[in-house]
Amino acid sequence: MSDLNRGIMKFEGADSTVAISISAVLILGSIVALVIWALSAAYAI
């Protein structure tokens, strides 16, 4: 069992490339969306 298969993600395949890629895309996408929202709220873009 790898270290990525522990903690919050306690299921088989938690350390697979697909699961890690989906998580990374969701996290980075939400960060980008928050930055864009903050810039549009602060400045009239």
Protein backbone atom coordinates (compact mmCIF):
# COMPACT_ATOMS: atom_id res chain seq x y z
CA MET A 1 0.00 0.00 0.00
CA SER A 2 1.45 3.35 -0.96
CA ASP A 3 1.31 6.46 1.18
CA LEU A 4 -1.30 8.03 -1.11
CA ASN A 5 -3.71 5.22 -0.25
CA ARG A 6 -4.00 6.40 3.36
CA GLY A 7 -5.65 9.33 5.10
CA ILE A 8 -8.67 10.86 3.40
CA MET A 9 -8.45 8.77 0.23
CA LYS A 10 -8.95 5.31 1.74
CA PHE A 11 -9.95 3.36 -1.36
CA GLU A 12 -8.26 1.11 -3.86
CA GLY A 13 -6.74 3.03 -6.74
CA ALA A 14 -6.36 6.27 -4.78
CA ASP A 15 -2.75 6.43 -5.95
CA SER A 16 -3.61 5.83 -9.60
CA THR A 17 -2.59 8.39 -12.19
CA VAL A 18 -6.20 9.08 -13.16
CA ALA A 19 -7.30 9.88 -9.59
CA ILE A 20 -4.30 12.12 -9.00
CA SER A 21 -4.83 13.94 -12.33
CA ILE A 22 -8.53 14.54 -11.67
CA SER A 23 -7.74 15.87 -8.18
CA ALA A 24 -5.02 18.15 -9.50
CA VAL A 25 -7.24 19.54 -12.26
CA LEU A 26 -10.09 20.21 -9.82
CA ILE A 27 -7.85 21.93 -7.28
CA LEU A 28 -5.93 24.04 -9.81
CA GLY A 29 -9.12 24.88 -11.70
CA SER A 30 -10.83 26.10 -8.56
CA ILE A 31 -7.79 28.22 -7.63
CA VAL A 32 -7.77 29.80 -11.09
CA ALA A 33 -11.53 30.43 -10.90
CA LEU A 34 -11.14 32.12 -7.51
CA VAL A 35 -8.31 34.33 -8.77
CA ILE A 36 -10.35 35.36 -11.84
CA TRP A 37 -13.39 36.04 -9.66
CA ALA A 38 -11.31 38.11 -7.21
CA LEU A 39 -9.77 40.17 -10.01
CA SER A 40 -13.14 40.79 -11.64
CA ALA A 41 -14.65 41.78 -8.28
CA ALA A 42 -11.78 44.13 -7.43
CA TYR A 43 -11.43 45.72 -10.87
CA ALA A 44 -13.96 46.45 -13.57
CA ILE A 45 -12.70 43.98 -16.18
